C-alpha atoms as a PDB file:
ATOM      1  CA  MET A   1     122.615  62.645 154.005  1.00  0.00           C
ATOM      2  CA  SER A   2     125.812  62.229 156.113  1.00  0.00           C
ATOM      3  CA  ASN A   3     126.444  58.646 156.570  1.00  0.00           C
ATOM      4  CA  ASN A   4     129.328  57.894 154.857  1.00  0.00           C
ATOM      5  CA  SER A   5     128.826  54.513 155.388  1.00  0.00           C
ATOM      6  CA  ALA A   6     125.616  53.667 153.691  1.00  0.00           C
ATOM      7  CA  ILE A   7     127.545  55.351 150.375  1.00  0.00           C
ATOM      8  CA  VAL A   8     130.056  53.143 150.728  1.00  0.00           C
ATOM      9  CA  GLU A   9     128.170  50.014 150.968  1.00  0.00           C
ATOM     10  CA  ILE A  10     125.850  51.182 148.134  1.00  0.00           C
ATOM     11  CA  SER A  11     129.042  51.868 146.040  1.00  0.00           C
ATOM     12  CA  GLN A  12     130.795  48.328 146.998  1.00  0.00           C
ATOM     13  CA  THR A  13     127.549  46.797 146.373  1.00  0.00           C
ATOM     14  CA  ALA A  14     127.474  47.982 142.838  1.00  0.00           C
ATOM     15  CA  ASN A  15     130.784  47.270 141.966  1.00  0.00           C
ATOM     16  CA  LYS A  16     130.400  43.215 142.379  1.00  0.00           C
ATOM     17  CA  PHE A  17     127.667  43.774 138.914  1.00  0.00           C
ATOM     18  CA  THR A  18     129.025  44.218 135.741  1.00  0.00           C
ATOM     19  CA  SER A  19     125.779  46.430 134.794  1.00  0.00           C
ATOM     20  CA  SER A  20     125.250  49.709 134.269  1.00  0.00           C
ATOM     21  CA  ILE A  21     123.809  50.839 137.629  1.00  0.00           C
ATOM     22  CA  VAL A  22     122.745  54.311 137.416  1.00  0.00           C
ATOM     23  CA  LEU A  23     120.845  56.662 140.109  1.00  0.00           C
ATOM     24  CA  GLN A  24     118.811  59.532 138.785  1.00  0.00           C
ATOM     25  CA  ALA A  25     117.870  62.572 141.692  1.00  0.00           C
ATOM     26  CA  GLU A  26     116.114  65.059 139.974  1.00  0.00           C
ATOM     27  CA  SER A  27     117.880  65.791 136.493  1.00  0.00           C
ATOM     28  CA  LYS A  28     121.170  64.336 137.423  1.00  0.00           C
ATOM     29  CA  TYR A  29     122.460  60.757 136.834  1.00  0.00           C
ATOM     30  CA  ILE A  30     125.075  59.753 138.888  1.00  0.00           C
ATOM     31  CA  ASP A  31     126.952  56.360 138.231  1.00  0.00           C
ATOM     32  CA  VAL A  32     126.311  54.461 141.722  1.00  0.00           C
ATOM     33  CA  LYS A  33     129.927  52.806 141.450  1.00  0.00           C
ATOM     34  CA  SER A  34     131.524  56.159 142.146  1.00  0.00           C
ATOM     35  CA  ILE A  35     131.522  56.895 145.174  1.00  0.00           C
ATOM     36  CA  LEU A  36     132.011  60.607 145.219  1.00  0.00           C
ATOM     37  CA  GLY A  37     129.219  60.803 142.791  1.00  0.00           C
ATOM     38  CA  LEU A  38     127.399  59.378 145.952  1.00  0.00           C
ATOM     39  CA  PHE A  39     128.719  61.725 147.826  1.00  0.00           C
ATOM     40  CA  THR A  40     127.299  65.155 146.438  1.00  0.00           C
ATOM     41  CA  THR A  41     124.051  63.548 145.266  1.00  0.00           C
ATOM     42  CA  LEU A  42     122.619  61.580 148.168  1.00  0.00           C
ATOM     43  CA  VAL A  43     121.546  64.421 150.630  1.00  0.00           C
ATOM     44  CA  GLY A  44     118.075  65.432 151.350  1.00  0.00           C
ATOM     45  CA  GLY A  45     115.283  62.664 151.364  1.00  0.00           C
ATOM     46  CA  HIS A  46     115.160  62.901 147.170  1.00  0.00           C
ATOM     47  CA  ALA A  47     112.886  60.121 145.811  1.00  0.00           C
ATOM     48  CA  TYR A  48     115.594  58.314 143.598  1.00  0.00           C
ATOM     49  CA  GLU A  49     115.389  56.211 140.643  1.00  0.00           C
ATOM     50  CA  LEU A  50     117.887  53.763 139.889  1.00  0.00           C
ATOM     51  CA  HIS A  51     118.589  52.193 136.350  1.00  0.00           C
ATOM     52  CA  VAL A  52     119.916  48.980 135.885  1.00  0.00           C
ATOM     53  CA  HIS A  53     120.985  47.422 132.651  1.00  0.00           C
ATOM     54  CA  GLY A  54     123.199  44.489 131.647  1.00  0.00           C
ATOM     55  CA  PRO A  55     123.823  40.769 131.753  1.00  0.00           C
ATOM     56  CA  ASP A  56     123.444  40.696 135.938  1.00  0.00           C
ATOM     57  CA  ALA A  57     120.708  43.192 135.709  1.00  0.00           C
ATOM     58  CA  ASP A  58     118.132  41.350 137.704  1.00  0.00           C
ATOM     59  CA  ASP A  59     120.771  40.364 140.922  1.00  0.00           C
ATOM     60  CA  ALA A  60     122.103  43.561 140.980  1.00  0.00           C
ATOM     61  CA  LYS A  61     118.598  45.273 141.316  1.00  0.00           C
ATOM     62  CA  LYS A  62     117.735  43.060 144.234  1.00  0.00           C
ATOM     63  CA  ALA A  63     120.814  43.494 145.890  1.00  0.00           C
ATOM     64  CA  MET A  64     120.741  47.842 145.488  1.00  0.00           C
ATOM     65  CA  ALA A  65     117.080  47.602 146.426  1.00  0.00           C
ATOM     66  CA  GLU A  66     118.167  45.714 149.828  1.00  0.00           C
ATOM     67  CA  VAL A  67     120.891  48.295 150.539  1.00  0.00           C
ATOM     68  CA  PHE A  68     119.073  50.972 149.978  1.00  0.00           C
ATOM     69  CA  ALA A  69     116.072  50.070 152.024  1.00  0.00           C
ATOM     70  CA  LYS A  70     118.535  49.239 154.638  1.00  0.00           C
ATOM     71  CA  HIS A  71     119.686  52.568 154.867  1.00  0.00           C
ATOM     72  CA  ASN A  72     115.979  53.837 154.832  1.00  0.00           C
ATOM     73  CA  LEU A  73     116.918  55.353 151.582  1.00  0.00           C
ATOM     74  CA  LYS A  74     113.518  55.921 149.074  1.00  0.00           C
ATOM     75  CA  ILE A  75     114.684  53.895 145.326  1.00  0.00           C
ATOM     76  CA  THR A  76     112.318  53.449 142.637  1.00  0.00           C
ATOM     77  CA  ILE A  77     113.721  50.669 140.388  1.00  0.00           C
ATOM     78  CA  VAL A  78     112.863  51.564 136.593  1.00  0.00           C
ATOM     79  CA  GLU A  79     112.306  48.588 134.524  1.00  0.00           C
ATOM     80  CA  GLY A  80     113.199  48.111 131.166  1.00  0.00           C
END
């Protein structure tokens, strides 16, 4: 994916929350707050899983789901 605006927006959205937000793509785990990590990971049409843990996890999950959907990225938010 060469959509830099999606990567920046995903990272900025994640950074609004104190929760840990980790993207799993196949066997890699990436801190969504890291733009560099996203650049090397958000390529192709992988199915991504998002793991969110922390005090504002519910709000973070909602916001992240919205920003991924906006950029037509498939994501599964893992509950638990």
